[in-house]
Amino acid sequence: MTDNPRQFVRAGGGYDQPWTRDAAVNTWKAARLLEPKQAANTLWAAVVKQPDEKLIVQQDNQQWDQVIWMTGAWNHYLATGDRSFLSNAYQVAVNTLDVRRRQNFNSGFGLFQGPSFFNDGIAGYPAPPADSTESHGGFVGDYSGTSSIMALSTNAVYYSAYRSAALMAAALAGPAARPTRSAPPPTR
């Protein structure tokens, strides 16, 4: 984080730490243009350094939200051109996507599992889960079977995350790393 690590965009009053989804979407949509340093702080506040020193999006009980961070980070780079930020963001993207692929990719369907990106409340689903004979509260993750949903919105977010990671890699490679054809011999 930059100068003042407490300066970041919060989801609302009473939130001490930014939620990954809110951090990414708020940065992507406006904060990167209005307050670039605070936008970067907001994204970094949703990242942790693991014991092996690898950077990864914070791991919580809403894994379907974690990968939107990559889209927010890519768009932040587009607005700021900060290559140092991009280098670290790419590391976060690779590490987070690796974990999510190992834990949430259903190879039989070729889709990622997880509830709908914007429906973290159980009321956002058309039918109650199979075990809904008693109330577990409003959070979708409190109901068994919801982690195996393969929601279209979540898979669209994964597509955007992989695309953003690929664009990061290409931007970091730069023109010097791209293969070049040798010039034709001069004609006489």
C-alpha atoms as a PDB file:
ATOM      1  CA  MET A   1       0.000   0.000   0.000  1.00  0.00           C
ATOM      2  CA  THR A   2       1.030   3.607  -0.478  1.00  0.00           C
ATOM      3  CA  ASP A   3       1.582   6.398   2.059  1.00  0.00           C
ATOM      4  CA  ASN A   4      -1.460   5.909   4.282  1.00  0.00           C
ATOM      5  CA  PRO A   5      -2.555   2.264   4.363  1.00  0.00           C
ATOM      6  CA  ARG A   6      -5.843   3.219   6.023  1.00  0.00           C
ATOM      7  CA  GLN A   7      -6.915   5.158   2.927  1.00  0.00           C
ATOM      8  CA  PHE A   8      -8.970   2.805   0.831  1.00  0.00           C
ATOM      9  CA  VAL A   9     -12.472   2.610  -0.560  1.00  0.00           C
ATOM     10  CA  ARG A  10     -14.747   0.752   1.852  1.00  0.00           C
ATOM     11  CA  ALA A  11     -17.934  -1.127   1.050  1.00  0.00           C
ATOM     12  CA  GLY A  12     -19.744   1.124   3.513  1.00  0.00           C
ATOM     13  CA  GLY A  13     -19.776   2.282   7.098  1.00  0.00           C
ATOM     14  CA  GLY A  14     -18.606  -0.284   9.620  1.00  0.00           C
ATOM     15  CA  TYR A  15     -16.366  -2.227   7.222  1.00  0.00           C
ATOM     16  CA  ASP A  16     -12.769  -2.260   8.462  1.00  0.00           C
ATOM     17  CA  GLN A  17     -11.397  -4.189   5.490  1.00  0.00           C
ATOM     18  CA  PRO A  18     -12.555  -4.016   1.890  1.00  0.00           C
ATOM     19  CA  TRP A  19     -14.365  -6.987   0.453  1.00  0.00           C
ATOM     20  CA  THR A  20     -12.636  -8.355  -2.611  1.00  0.00           C
ATOM     21  CA  ARG A  21     -15.641  -7.889  -4.901  1.00  0.00           C
ATOM     22  CA  ASP A  22     -16.286  -4.337  -3.741  1.00  0.00           C
ATOM     23  CA  ALA A  23     -12.585  -3.436  -3.889  1.00  0.00           C
ATOM     24  CA  ALA A  24     -12.321  -4.640  -7.473  1.00  0.00           C
ATOM     25  CA  VAL A  25     -15.593  -3.225  -8.764  1.00  0.00           C
ATOM     26  CA  ASN A  26     -15.131   0.164  -7.061  1.00  0.00           C
ATOM     27  CA  THR A  27     -11.589   0.434  -8.437  1.00  0.00           C
ATOM     28  CA  TRP A  28     -12.628  -0.716 -11.900  1.00  0.00           C
ATOM     29  CA  LYS A  29     -15.604   1.585 -12.221  1.00  0.00           C
ATOM     30  CA  ALA A  30     -14.334   4.896 -10.810  1.00  0.00           C
ATOM     31  CA  ALA A  31     -11.726   4.943  -8.036  1.00  0.00           C
ATOM     32  CA  ARG A  32      -8.813   4.276 -10.410  1.00  0.00           C
ATOM     33  CA  LEU A  33      -9.680   7.505 -12.231  1.00  0.00           C
ATOM     34  CA  LEU A  34     -10.626   9.667  -9.234  1.00  0.00           C
ATOM     35  CA  GLU A  35      -8.130   8.529  -6.575  1.00  0.00           C
ATOM     36  CA  PRO A  36      -5.514   6.187  -8.107  1.00  0.00           C
ATOM     37  CA  LYS A  37      -3.421   5.783  -4.911  1.00  0.00           C
ATOM     38  CA  GLN A  38      -6.474   4.942  -2.812  1.00  0.00           C
ATOM     39  CA  ALA A  39      -7.684   2.596  -5.546  1.00  0.00           C
ATOM     40  CA  ALA A  40      -4.373   0.729  -5.447  1.00  0.00           C
ATOM     41  CA  ASN A  41      -4.586   0.600  -1.633  1.00  0.00           C
ATOM     42  CA  THR A  42      -8.097  -0.793  -1.947  1.00  0.00           C
ATOM     43  CA  LEU A  43      -6.941  -3.604  -4.205  1.00  0.00           C
ATOM     44  CA  TRP A  44      -3.873  -4.379  -2.074  1.00  0.00           C
ATOM     45  CA  ALA A  45      -5.995  -4.455   1.095  1.00  0.00           C
ATOM     46  CA  ALA A  46      -7.752  -7.523  -0.378  1.00  0.00           C
ATOM     47  CA  VAL A  47      -4.419  -9.327  -0.931  1.00  0.00           C
ATOM     48  CA  VAL A  48      -2.364 -11.341   1.555  1.00  0.00           C
ATOM     49  CA  LYS A  49       1.218 -12.518   1.514  1.00  0.00           C
ATOM     50  CA  GLN A  50       1.409 -16.237   2.171  1.00  0.00           C
ATOM     51  CA  PRO A  51       4.127 -17.816   4.342  1.00  0.00           C
ATOM     52  CA  ASP A  52       6.046 -18.669   1.134  1.00  0.00           C
ATOM     53  CA  GLU A  53       5.976 -14.919   0.237  1.00  0.00           C
ATOM     54  CA  LYS A  54       3.508 -15.435  -2.645  1.00  0.00           C
ATOM     55  CA  LEU A  55       0.801 -12.811  -3.053  1.00  0.00           C
ATOM     56  CA  ILE A  56      -2.783 -14.047  -3.330  1.00  0.00           C
ATOM     57  CA  VAL A  57      -6.271 -12.586  -3.031  1.00  0.00           C
ATOM     58  CA  GLN A  58      -7.523 -13.122   0.519  1.00  0.00           C
ATOM     59  CA  GLN A  59      -9.036 -16.573   0.876  1.00  0.00           C
ATOM     60  CA  ASP A  60     -12.488 -16.465   2.402  1.00  0.00           C
ATOM     61  CA  ASN A  61     -15.849 -18.211   2.211  1.00  0.00           C
ATOM     62  CA  GLN A  62     -16.815 -16.371  -1.004  1.00  0.00           C
ATOM     63  CA  GLN A  63     -14.336 -17.907  -3.435  1.00  0.00           C
ATOM     64  CA  TRP A  64     -16.549 -17.023  -6.390  1.00  0.00           C
ATOM     65  CA  ASP A  65     -15.776 -13.349  -5.765  1.00  0.00           C
ATOM     66  CA  GLN A  66     -11.991 -13.617  -5.568  1.00  0.00           C
ATOM     67  CA  VAL A  67     -11.202 -13.571  -9.279  1.00  0.00           C
ATOM     68  CA  ILE A  68     -12.922 -10.243 -10.043  1.00  0.00           C
ATOM     69  CA  TRP A  69      -9.815  -8.750  -8.448  1.00  0.00           C
ATOM     70  CA  MET A  70      -7.885  -9.426 -11.683  1.00  0.00           C
ATOM     71  CA  THR A  71     -10.284  -7.341 -13.780  1.00  0.00           C
ATOM     72  CA  GLY A  72     -10.089  -4.494 -11.283  1.00  0.00           C
ATOM     73  CA  ALA A  73      -6.279  -4.684 -11.237  1.00  0.00           C
ATOM     74  CA  TRP A  74      -5.972  -4.765 -15.039  1.00  0.00           C
ATOM     75  CA  ASN A  75      -8.229  -1.733 -15.386  1.00  0.00           C
ATOM     76  CA  HIS A  76      -6.253   0.067 -12.688  1.00  0.00           C
ATOM     77  CA  TYR A  77      -3.088  -0.508 -14.706  1.00  0.00           C
ATOM     78  CA  LEU A  78      -4.790   0.766 -17.872  1.00  0.00           C
ATOM     79  CA  ALA A  79      -5.653   4.005 -16.081  1.00  0.00           C
ATOM     80  CA  THR A  80      -2.301   4.523 -14.338  1.00  0.00           C
ATOM     81  CA  GLY A  81       0.332   2.768 -16.461  1.00  0.00           C
ATOM     82  CA  ASP A  82       2.031   1.683 -13.213  1.00  0.00           C
ATOM     83  CA  ARG A  83       4.233  -1.259 -14.285  1.00  0.00           C
ATOM     84  CA  SER A  84       5.379  -1.998 -10.734  1.00  0.00           C
ATOM     85  CA  PHE A  85       1.738  -2.386  -9.723  1.00  0.00           C
ATOM     86  CA  LEU A  86       1.155  -4.577 -12.790  1.00  0.00           C
ATOM     87  CA  SER A  87       4.075  -6.866 -11.983  1.00  0.00           C
ATOM     88  CA  ASN A  88       2.751  -7.569  -8.482  1.00  0.00           C
ATOM     89  CA  ALA A  89      -0.844  -7.797  -9.729  1.00  0.00           C
ATOM     90  CA  TYR A  90       0.174 -10.443 -12.243  1.00  0.00           C
ATOM     91  CA  GLN A  91       1.718 -12.503  -9.434  1.00  0.00           C
ATOM     92  CA  VAL A  92      -1.569 -12.214  -7.503  1.00  0.00           C
ATOM     93  CA  ALA A  93      -3.519 -13.256 -10.616  1.00  0.00           C
ATOM     94  CA  VAL A  94      -1.406 -16.346 -11.303  1.00  0.00           C
ATOM     95  CA  ASN A  95      -1.441 -17.515  -7.685  1.00  0.00           C
ATOM     96  CA  THR A  96      -5.147 -16.908  -7.126  1.00  0.00           C
ATOM     97  CA  LEU A  97      -6.267 -18.473 -10.400  1.00  0.00           C
ATOM     98  CA  ASP A  98      -4.116 -21.519  -9.645  1.00  0.00           C
ATOM     99  CA  VAL A  99      -5.854 -22.061  -6.299  1.00  0.00           C
ATOM    100  CA  ARG A 100      -9.317 -21.451  -7.713  1.00  0.00           C
ATOM    101  CA  ARG A 101      -8.714 -23.841 -10.632  1.00  0.00           C
ATOM    102  CA  ARG A 102      -7.521 -26.612  -8.313  1.00  0.00           C
ATOM    103  CA  GLN A 103     -10.397 -26.136  -5.887  1.00  0.00           C
ATOM    104  CA  ASN A 104     -13.356 -24.983  -7.980  1.00  0.00           C
ATOM    105  CA  PHE A 105     -13.009 -26.102 -11.584  1.00  0.00           C
ATOM    106  CA  ASN A 106     -15.391 -28.870 -12.661  1.00  0.00           C
ATOM    107  CA  SER A 107     -13.551 -30.549 -15.532  1.00  0.00           C
ATOM    108  CA  GLY A 108     -16.613 -32.632 -16.421  1.00  0.00           C
ATOM    109  CA  PHE A 109     -18.561 -29.514 -17.338  1.00  0.00           C
ATOM    110  CA  GLY A 110     -15.600 -27.251 -18.099  1.00  0.00           C
ATOM    111  CA  LEU A 111     -17.004 -24.659 -15.685  1.00  0.00           C
ATOM    112  CA  PHE A 112     -16.070 -23.126 -12.359  1.00  0.00           C
ATOM    113  CA  GLN A 113     -18.265 -23.877  -9.385  1.00  0.00           C
ATOM    114  CA  GLY A 114     -19.641 -21.207  -7.132  1.00  0.00           C
ATOM    115  CA  PRO A 115     -22.835 -19.299  -6.532  1.00  0.00           C
ATOM    116  CA  SER A 116     -23.830 -16.377  -8.694  1.00  0.00           C
ATOM    117  CA  PHE A 117     -21.393 -13.474  -8.600  1.00  0.00           C
ATOM    118  CA  PHE A 118     -23.910 -10.920  -7.336  1.00  0.00           C
ATOM    119  CA  ASN A 119     -26.209 -13.254  -5.409  1.00  0.00           C
ATOM    120  CA  ASP A 120     -24.446 -13.971  -2.142  1.00  0.00           C
ATOM    121  CA  GLY A 121     -27.844 -13.955  -0.458  1.00  0.00           C
ATOM    122  CA  ILE A 122     -29.983 -17.105  -0.659  1.00  0.00           C
ATOM    123  CA  ALA A 123     -32.962 -14.988  -1.755  1.00  0.00           C
ATOM    124  CA  GLY A 124     -31.245 -14.542  -5.134  1.00  0.00           C
ATOM    125  CA  TYR A 125     -32.018 -18.140  -6.159  1.00  0.00           C
ATOM    126  CA  PRO A 126     -35.251 -19.390  -7.701  1.00  0.00           C
ATOM    127  CA  ALA A 127     -35.708 -22.464  -5.502  1.00  0.00           C
ATOM    128  CA  PRO A 128     -34.511 -23.217  -1.993  1.00  0.00           C
ATOM    129  CA  PRO A 129     -31.616 -25.672  -1.668  1.00  0.00           C
ATOM    130  CA  ALA A 130     -32.440 -29.286  -0.843  1.00  0.00           C
ATOM    131  CA  ASP A 131     -31.667 -28.866   2.857  1.00  0.00           C
ATOM    132  CA  SER A 132     -33.855 -25.800   3.371  1.00  0.00           C
ATOM    133  CA  THR A 133     -36.225 -27.425   5.837  1.00  0.00           C
ATOM    134  CA  GLU A 134     -34.745 -25.065   8.393  1.00  0.00           C
ATOM    135  CA  SER A 135     -33.373 -21.587   7.969  1.00  0.00           C
ATOM    136  CA  HIS A 136     -29.608 -21.189   7.900  1.00  0.00           C
ATOM    137  CA  GLY A 137     -29.748 -17.426   7.485  1.00  0.00           C
ATOM    138  CA  GLY A 138     -29.484 -15.281   4.401  1.00  0.00           C
ATOM    139  CA  PHE A 139     -25.962 -16.128   3.181  1.00  0.00           C
ATOM    140  CA  VAL A 140     -25.927 -18.555   0.245  1.00  0.00           C
ATOM    141  CA  GLY A 141     -22.762 -20.253   1.524  1.00  0.00           C
ATOM    142  CA  ASP A 142     -24.599 -21.430   4.626  1.00  0.00           C
ATOM    143  CA  TYR A 143     -26.623 -23.906   2.543  1.00  0.00           C
ATOM    144  CA  SER A 144     -25.135 -27.239   1.513  1.00  0.00           C
ATOM    145  CA  GLY A 145     -24.757 -27.802  -2.194  1.00  0.00           C
ATOM    146  CA  THR A 146     -24.510 -24.124  -3.076  1.00  0.00           C
ATOM    147  CA  SER A 147     -20.741 -24.294  -3.539  1.00  0.00           C
ATOM    148  CA  SER A 148     -21.240 -26.688  -6.464  1.00  0.00           C
ATOM    149  CA  ILE A 149     -23.523 -24.314  -8.416  1.00  0.00           C
ATOM    150  CA  MET A 150     -21.993 -23.350 -11.775  1.00  0.00           C
ATOM    151  CA  ALA A 151     -23.486 -19.900 -12.255  1.00  0.00           C
ATOM    152  CA  LEU A 152     -23.181 -18.103 -15.581  1.00  0.00           C
ATOM    153  CA  SER A 153     -22.209 -14.798 -13.922  1.00  0.00           C
ATOM    154  CA  THR A 154     -19.421 -16.456 -11.962  1.00  0.00           C
ATOM    155  CA  ASN A 155     -18.043 -18.162 -15.061  1.00  0.00           C
ATOM    156  CA  ALA A 156     -18.187 -14.849 -16.940  1.00  0.00           C
ATOM    157  CA  VAL A 157     -16.105 -13.316 -14.134  1.00  0.00           C
ATOM    158  CA  TYR A 158     -13.597 -16.179 -14.452  1.00  0.00           C
ATOM    159  CA  TYR A 159     -13.385 -15.547 -18.192  1.00  0.00           C
ATOM    160  CA  SER A 160     -12.642 -11.881 -17.518  1.00  0.00           C
ATOM    161  CA  ALA A 161     -10.046 -12.824 -14.891  1.00  0.00           C
ATOM    162  CA  TYR A 162      -8.191 -15.168 -17.250  1.00  0.00           C
ATOM    163  CA  ARG A 163      -8.371 -12.572 -20.018  1.00  0.00           C
ATOM    164  CA  SER A 164      -7.040  -9.886 -17.669  1.00  0.00           C
ATOM    165  CA  ALA A 165      -4.184 -12.163 -16.565  1.00  0.00           C
ATOM    166  CA  ALA A 166      -3.270 -12.841 -20.207  1.00  0.00           C
ATOM    167  CA  LEU A 167      -3.297  -9.114 -20.964  1.00  0.00           C
ATOM    168  CA  MET A 168      -1.095  -8.501 -17.917  1.00  0.00           C
ATOM    169  CA  ALA A 169       1.391 -11.098 -19.139  1.00  0.00           C
ATOM    170  CA  ALA A 170       1.477  -9.561 -22.613  1.00  0.00           C
ATOM    171  CA  ALA A 171       1.945  -6.045 -21.211  1.00  0.00           C
ATOM    172  CA  LEU A 172       4.774  -7.207 -18.959  1.00  0.00           C
ATOM    173  CA  ALA A 173       6.470  -9.026 -21.815  1.00  0.00           C
ATOM    174  CA  GLY A 174       6.531  -5.837 -23.869  1.00  0.00           C
ATOM    175  CA  PRO A 175       7.800  -5.504 -27.419  1.00  0.00           C
ATOM    176  CA  ALA A 176      11.368  -6.532 -26.534  1.00  0.00           C
ATOM    177  CA  ALA A 177      10.220  -9.986 -25.452  1.00  0.00           C
ATOM    178  CA  ARG A 178       8.221 -10.696 -28.586  1.00  0.00           C
ATOM    179  CA  PRO A 179       9.943 -12.707 -31.314  1.00  0.00           C
ATOM    180  CA  THR A 180      11.010 -10.670 -34.282  1.00  0.00           C
ATOM    181  CA  ARG A 181      11.640 -11.705 -37.820  1.00  0.00           C
ATOM    182  CA  SER A 182      15.042 -10.951 -39.161  1.00  0.00           C
ATOM    183  CA  ALA A 183      15.138  -8.251 -41.770  1.00  0.00           C
ATOM    184  CA  PRO A 184      15.481  -9.414 -45.362  1.00  0.00           C
ATOM    185  CA  PRO A 185      18.959  -9.083 -46.832  1.00  0.00           C
ATOM    186  CA  PRO A 186      19.547  -5.777 -48.581  1.00  0.00           C
ATOM    187  CA  THR A 187      18.922  -5.809 -52.291  1.00  0.00           C
ATOM    188  CA  ARG A 188      21.659  -4.676 -54.672  1.00  0.00           C
END
